[in-house]
Amino acid sequence: MNQDELADVLLVDDDATYCEVLARALQKRGYGVRIAHDVPHGISLARQESPEYAIVDLKMPGPSGLELVKELITLDPNTRIVMLTGYASITTAVEAIKLGATHYLGKPASVEEILAAFERTQGNAEAPVEDKPLSVARLEWEHIQKVLGECEGNISETARRLNMHRRTLQRKLQKRPTRS
């Protein structure tokens, strides 16, 4: 199989080491991989040649991966997109799917999980349902993410709406969310 016959994957993540490791694993499985480390470069690569598959990190310097999902679907509605994040929230998961992502996975995700996510076309009615409600810390994180989404990522406006000092909000956003 020559390079032109390989299934094309666009990998966009600001973690260069992660990109290298994931790209090698994908190439071993017969995929051609193009890498970008931010949304503008990812858009540029996608405009040159629309990818069949895309793996997009949510949180990167500059625009979020949600912007890239939106642009990729505009360029080619058939692109299969998996959004990866270490900052998972219900709000960003819902928005990613609404914008056209095929799946949303928390980091770290194995190459097998990512490839399986590309192929999933339907939901799982048998997905496990948690027994206990979200913790107060997790609820706070979810609410902040919801308001941040409503404010289109504007930190100052989000802080005003939450009646919170902007620096306090920025500190909270830099922390990883609690699991439950």
C-alpha atoms as a PDB file:
ATOM      1  CA  MET A   1       0.000   0.000   0.000  1.00  0.00           C
ATOM      2  CA  ASN A   2       1.565   3.325  -1.014  1.00  0.00           C
ATOM      3  CA  GLN A   3       1.205   6.657   0.827  1.00  0.00           C
ATOM      4  CA  ASP A   4      -1.652   7.810  -1.455  1.00  0.00           C
ATOM      5  CA  GLU A   5      -3.754   4.743  -0.526  1.00  0.00           C
ATOM      6  CA  LEU A   6      -3.474   5.172   3.235  1.00  0.00           C
ATOM      7  CA  ALA A   7      -6.503   6.326   5.203  1.00  0.00           C
ATOM      8  CA  ASP A   8      -5.740   9.938   6.166  1.00  0.00           C
ATOM      9  CA  VAL A   9      -5.766  11.021   9.826  1.00  0.00           C
ATOM     10  CA  LEU A  10      -5.371  14.633  10.922  1.00  0.00           C
ATOM     11  CA  LEU A  11      -3.965  14.712  14.466  1.00  0.00           C
ATOM     12  CA  VAL A  12      -4.219  18.069  16.242  1.00  0.00           C
ATOM     13  CA  ASP A  13      -2.835  18.296  19.774  1.00  0.00           C
ATOM     14  CA  ASP A  14      -0.451  20.762  21.424  1.00  0.00           C
ATOM     15  CA  ASP A  15       1.470  17.925  23.130  1.00  0.00           C
ATOM     16  CA  ALA A  16       4.232  17.150  20.627  1.00  0.00           C
ATOM     17  CA  THR A  17       5.364  13.964  22.384  1.00  0.00           C
ATOM     18  CA  TYR A  18       1.836  12.579  22.520  1.00  0.00           C
ATOM     19  CA  CYS A  19       1.433  13.362  18.801  1.00  0.00           C
ATOM     20  CA  GLU A  20       4.625  11.511  17.900  1.00  0.00           C
ATOM     21  CA  VAL A  21       3.680   8.409  19.883  1.00  0.00           C
ATOM     22  CA  LEU A  22       0.100   8.330  18.586  1.00  0.00           C
ATOM     23  CA  ALA A  23       1.207   9.025  14.990  1.00  0.00           C
ATOM     24  CA  ARG A  24       3.659   6.099  15.087  1.00  0.00           C
ATOM     25  CA  ALA A  25       0.965   3.780  16.473  1.00  0.00           C
ATOM     26  CA  LEU A  26      -1.469   4.859  13.743  1.00  0.00           C
ATOM     27  CA  GLN A  27       1.139   4.493  10.999  1.00  0.00           C
ATOM     28  CA  LYS A  28       1.885   0.945  12.172  1.00  0.00           C
ATOM     29  CA  ARG A  29      -1.815   0.220  11.666  1.00  0.00           C
ATOM     30  CA  GLY A  30      -1.771   1.537   8.095  1.00  0.00           C
ATOM     31  CA  TYR A  31      -2.869   5.150   8.481  1.00  0.00           C
ATOM     32  CA  GLY A  32      -1.261   8.217   6.935  1.00  0.00           C
ATOM     33  CA  VAL A  33      -0.940  10.912   9.613  1.00  0.00           C
ATOM     34  CA  ARG A  34      -0.625  14.682   9.355  1.00  0.00           C
ATOM     35  CA  ILE A  35       0.086  16.592  12.577  1.00  0.00           C
ATOM     36  CA  ALA A  36      -0.746  20.104  13.748  1.00  0.00           C
ATOM     37  CA  HIS A  37      -0.193  21.562  17.204  1.00  0.00           C
ATOM     38  CA  ASP A  38      -2.901  24.236  17.147  1.00  0.00           C
ATOM     39  CA  VAL A  39      -6.273  24.950  15.560  1.00  0.00           C
ATOM     40  CA  PRO A  40      -5.125  27.425  12.851  1.00  0.00           C
ATOM     41  CA  HIS A  41      -2.496  24.961  11.544  1.00  0.00           C
ATOM     42  CA  GLY A  42      -5.049  22.129  11.718  1.00  0.00           C
ATOM     43  CA  ILE A  43      -7.493  24.181   9.644  1.00  0.00           C
ATOM     44  CA  SER A  44      -4.762  24.952   7.137  1.00  0.00           C
ATOM     45  CA  LEU A  45      -3.899  21.265   6.716  1.00  0.00           C
ATOM     46  CA  ALA A  46      -7.584  20.318   6.404  1.00  0.00           C
ATOM     47  CA  ARG A  47      -8.133  22.940   3.718  1.00  0.00           C
ATOM     48  CA  GLN A  48      -5.225  21.524   1.714  1.00  0.00           C
ATOM     49  CA  GLU A  49      -6.776  18.064   1.843  1.00  0.00           C
ATOM     50  CA  SER A  50      -9.831  17.125   3.868  1.00  0.00           C
ATOM     51  CA  PRO A  51      -9.026  14.190   6.172  1.00  0.00           C
ATOM     52  CA  GLU A  52     -11.078  11.008   6.422  1.00  0.00           C
ATOM     53  CA  TYR A  53     -10.422  10.945  10.162  1.00  0.00           C
ATOM     54  CA  ALA A  54      -9.409  13.564  12.728  1.00  0.00           C
ATOM     55  CA  ILE A  55      -8.226  13.333  16.314  1.00  0.00           C
ATOM     56  CA  VAL A  56      -8.647  16.705  17.989  1.00  0.00           C
ATOM     57  CA  ASP A  57      -7.545  17.838  21.439  1.00  0.00           C
ATOM     58  CA  LEU A  58     -10.094  20.052  23.190  1.00  0.00           C
ATOM     59  CA  LYS A  59      -7.806  22.407  25.108  1.00  0.00           C
ATOM     60  CA  MET A  60      -4.954  24.007  23.182  1.00  0.00           C
ATOM     61  CA  PRO A  61      -3.405  27.479  23.159  1.00  0.00           C
ATOM     62  CA  GLY A  62      -5.601  29.781  21.088  1.00  0.00           C
ATOM     63  CA  PRO A  63      -8.964  28.546  19.850  1.00  0.00           C
ATOM     64  CA  SER A  64     -10.309  25.333  21.363  1.00  0.00           C
ATOM     65  CA  GLY A  65     -10.644  22.076  19.490  1.00  0.00           C
ATOM     66  CA  LEU A  66     -14.385  22.751  19.261  1.00  0.00           C
ATOM     67  CA  GLU A  67     -13.610  25.432  16.660  1.00  0.00           C
ATOM     68  CA  LEU A  68     -11.668  22.875  14.640  1.00  0.00           C
ATOM     69  CA  VAL A  69     -14.494  20.316  14.830  1.00  0.00           C
ATOM     70  CA  LYS A  70     -16.874  22.949  13.452  1.00  0.00           C
ATOM     71  CA  GLU A  71     -14.494  23.832  10.593  1.00  0.00           C
ATOM     72  CA  LEU A  72     -13.728  20.200   9.714  1.00  0.00           C
ATOM     73  CA  ILE A  73     -17.431  19.378   9.405  1.00  0.00           C
ATOM     74  CA  THR A  74     -17.964  22.506   7.289  1.00  0.00           C
ATOM     75  CA  LEU A  75     -15.174  21.371   4.945  1.00  0.00           C
ATOM     76  CA  ASP A  76     -16.359  17.753   4.785  1.00  0.00           C
ATOM     77  CA  PRO A  77     -19.386  16.463   6.721  1.00  0.00           C
ATOM     78  CA  ASN A  78     -18.116  12.879   6.293  1.00  0.00           C
ATOM     79  CA  THR A  79     -14.942  13.404   8.334  1.00  0.00           C
ATOM     80  CA  ARG A  80     -14.977  11.080  11.364  1.00  0.00           C
ATOM     81  CA  ILE A  81     -13.767  13.110  14.362  1.00  0.00           C
ATOM     82  CA  VAL A  82     -12.736  11.932  17.816  1.00  0.00           C
ATOM     83  CA  MET A  83     -12.276  14.674  20.392  1.00  0.00           C
ATOM     84  CA  LEU A  84      -9.735  13.900  23.123  1.00  0.00           C
ATOM     85  CA  THR A  85      -9.388  15.807  26.362  1.00  0.00           C
ATOM     86  CA  GLY A  86      -7.917  15.737  29.809  1.00  0.00           C
ATOM     87  CA  TYR A  87     -10.522  18.384  30.709  1.00  0.00           C
ATOM     88  CA  ALA A  88     -13.711  16.443  30.076  1.00  0.00           C
ATOM     89  CA  SER A  89     -17.049  17.968  30.940  1.00  0.00           C
ATOM     90  CA  ILE A  90     -20.622  17.203  30.028  1.00  0.00           C
ATOM     91  CA  THR A  91     -20.946  20.617  28.374  1.00  0.00           C
ATOM     92  CA  THR A  92     -17.951  20.203  26.060  1.00  0.00           C
ATOM     93  CA  ALA A  93     -18.929  16.614  25.248  1.00  0.00           C
ATOM     94  CA  VAL A  94     -22.419  17.697  24.216  1.00  0.00           C
ATOM     95  CA  GLU A  95     -21.073  20.616  22.184  1.00  0.00           C
ATOM     96  CA  ALA A  96     -18.469  18.449  20.433  1.00  0.00           C
ATOM     97  CA  ILE A  97     -21.137  15.947  19.375  1.00  0.00           C
ATOM     98  CA  LYS A  98     -23.555  18.709  18.318  1.00  0.00           C
ATOM     99  CA  LEU A  99     -20.796  20.254  16.185  1.00  0.00           C
ATOM    100  CA  GLY A 100     -20.198  16.930  14.452  1.00  0.00           C
ATOM    101  CA  ALA A 101     -17.627  14.928  16.409  1.00  0.00           C
ATOM    102  CA  THR A 102     -18.127  11.176  16.135  1.00  0.00           C
ATOM    103  CA  HIS A 103     -16.957  10.524  19.675  1.00  0.00           C
ATOM    104  CA  TYR A 104     -15.491  12.212  22.770  1.00  0.00           C
ATOM    105  CA  LEU A 105     -12.818  10.438  24.825  1.00  0.00           C
ATOM    106  CA  GLY A 106     -10.953  11.363  27.984  1.00  0.00           C
ATOM    107  CA  LYS A 107      -7.162  11.240  27.960  1.00  0.00           C
ATOM    108  CA  PRO A 108      -5.284   9.050  28.090  1.00  0.00           C
ATOM    109  CA  ALA A 109      -6.942   7.017  25.353  1.00  0.00           C
ATOM    110  CA  SER A 110      -5.272   4.099  23.610  1.00  0.00           C
ATOM    111  CA  VAL A 111      -5.003   3.887  19.842  1.00  0.00           C
ATOM    112  CA  GLU A 112      -7.436   0.955  19.967  1.00  0.00           C
ATOM    113  CA  GLU A 113     -10.016   3.070  21.821  1.00  0.00           C
ATOM    114  CA  ILE A 114      -9.597   5.882  19.290  1.00  0.00           C
ATOM    115  CA  LEU A 115      -9.936   3.561  16.283  1.00  0.00           C
ATOM    116  CA  ALA A 116     -13.011   1.929  17.832  1.00  0.00           C
ATOM    117  CA  ALA A 117     -14.495   5.388  18.429  1.00  0.00           C
ATOM    118  CA  PHE A 118     -14.087   6.243  14.731  1.00  0.00           C
ATOM    119  CA  GLU A 119     -16.268   3.255  13.849  1.00  0.00           C
ATOM    120  CA  ARG A 120     -19.025   3.838  16.414  1.00  0.00           C
ATOM    121  CA  THR A 121     -22.048   5.204  14.632  1.00  0.00           C
ATOM    122  CA  GLN A 122     -24.698   4.642  17.292  1.00  0.00           C
ATOM    123  CA  GLY A 123     -25.078   5.181  21.001  1.00  0.00           C
ATOM    124  CA  ASN A 124     -24.977   2.419  23.587  1.00  0.00           C
ATOM    125  CA  ALA A 125     -28.305   1.986  25.415  1.00  0.00           C
ATOM    126  CA  GLU A 126     -26.540  -0.378  27.827  1.00  0.00           C
ATOM    127  CA  ALA A 127     -23.944   2.175  28.974  1.00  0.00           C
ATOM    128  CA  PRO A 128     -23.509   1.992  32.758  1.00  0.00           C
ATOM    129  CA  VAL A 129     -25.423   4.561  34.815  1.00  0.00           C
ATOM    130  CA  GLU A 130     -23.661   5.929  37.915  1.00  0.00           C
ATOM    131  CA  ASP A 131     -25.212   5.118  41.308  1.00  0.00           C
ATOM    132  CA  LYS A 132     -24.195   8.331  43.011  1.00  0.00           C
ATOM    133  CA  PRO A 133     -24.651  11.974  42.005  1.00  0.00           C
ATOM    134  CA  LEU A 134     -21.768  14.211  40.948  1.00  0.00           C
ATOM    135  CA  SER A 135     -19.681  15.755  43.731  1.00  0.00           C
ATOM    136  CA  VAL A 136     -20.012  19.460  44.505  1.00  0.00           C
ATOM    137  CA  ALA A 137     -16.556  20.067  42.994  1.00  0.00           C
ATOM    138  CA  ARG A 138     -17.558  18.301  39.777  1.00  0.00           C
ATOM    139  CA  LEU A 139     -20.883  20.162  39.634  1.00  0.00           C
ATOM    140  CA  GLU A 140     -18.986  23.436  39.996  1.00  0.00           C
ATOM    141  CA  TRP A 141     -16.656  22.439  37.124  1.00  0.00           C
ATOM    142  CA  GLU A 142     -19.634  21.491  34.941  1.00  0.00           C
ATOM    143  CA  HIS A 143     -21.433  24.766  35.691  1.00  0.00           C
ATOM    144  CA  ILE A 144     -18.326  26.813  34.907  1.00  0.00           C
ATOM    145  CA  GLN A 145     -17.931  24.938  31.598  1.00  0.00           C
ATOM    146  CA  LYS A 146     -21.589  25.540  30.729  1.00  0.00           C
ATOM    147  CA  VAL A 147     -21.376  29.288  31.386  1.00  0.00           C
ATOM    148  CA  LEU A 148     -18.004  29.501  29.594  1.00  0.00           C
ATOM    149  CA  GLY A 149     -19.614  27.861  26.561  1.00  0.00           C
ATOM    150  CA  GLU A 150     -22.527  30.298  26.685  1.00  0.00           C
ATOM    151  CA  CYS A 151     -19.983  33.145  26.748  1.00  0.00           C
ATOM    152  CA  GLU A 152     -18.138  31.638  23.754  1.00  0.00           C
ATOM    153  CA  GLY A 153     -14.934  31.214  25.787  1.00  0.00           C
ATOM    154  CA  ASN A 154     -14.819  34.814  27.053  1.00  0.00           C
ATOM    155  CA  ILE A 155     -13.241  34.519  30.529  1.00  0.00           C
ATOM    156  CA  SER A 156     -14.131  38.055  31.659  1.00  0.00           C
ATOM    157  CA  GLU A 157     -17.801  37.704  30.729  1.00  0.00           C
ATOM    158  CA  THR A 158     -17.942  34.237  32.322  1.00  0.00           C
ATOM    159  CA  ALA A 159     -16.466  35.630  35.553  1.00  0.00           C
ATOM    160  CA  ARG A 160     -19.039  38.453  35.564  1.00  0.00           C
ATOM    161  CA  ARG A 161     -21.920  36.018  35.059  1.00  0.00           C
ATOM    162  CA  LEU A 162     -20.610  33.745  37.825  1.00  0.00           C
ATOM    163  CA  ASN A 163     -20.013  36.715  40.137  1.00  0.00           C
ATOM    164  CA  MET A 164     -16.404  35.545  40.467  1.00  0.00           C
ATOM    165  CA  HIS A 165     -13.085  37.358  40.195  1.00  0.00           C
ATOM    166  CA  ARG A 166     -11.495  36.744  36.777  1.00  0.00           C
ATOM    167  CA  ARG A 167      -8.228  35.454  38.299  1.00  0.00           C
ATOM    168  CA  THR A 168     -10.124  33.013  40.504  1.00  0.00           C
ATOM    169  CA  LEU A 169     -11.931  31.695  37.447  1.00  0.00           C
ATOM    170  CA  GLN A 170      -8.659  31.374  35.527  1.00  0.00           C
ATOM    171  CA  ARG A 171      -7.137  29.351  38.398  1.00  0.00           C
ATOM    172  CA  LYS A 172     -10.153  27.048  38.465  1.00  0.00           C
ATOM    173  CA  LEU A 173      -9.959  26.543  34.696  1.00  0.00           C
ATOM    174  CA  GLN A 174      -6.275  25.586  34.853  1.00  0.00           C
ATOM    175  CA  LYS A 175      -6.995  22.742  37.256  1.00  0.00           C
ATOM    176  CA  ARG A 176      -8.064  19.385  35.946  1.00  0.00           C
ATOM    177  CA  PRO A 177     -11.689  18.569  36.717  1.00  0.00           C
ATOM    178  CA  THR A 178     -12.494  16.181  39.521  1.00  0.00           C
ATOM    179  CA  ARG A 179     -13.649  12.738  38.389  1.00  0.00           C
ATOM    180  CA  SER A 180     -16.952  12.606  40.244  1.00  0.00           C
END
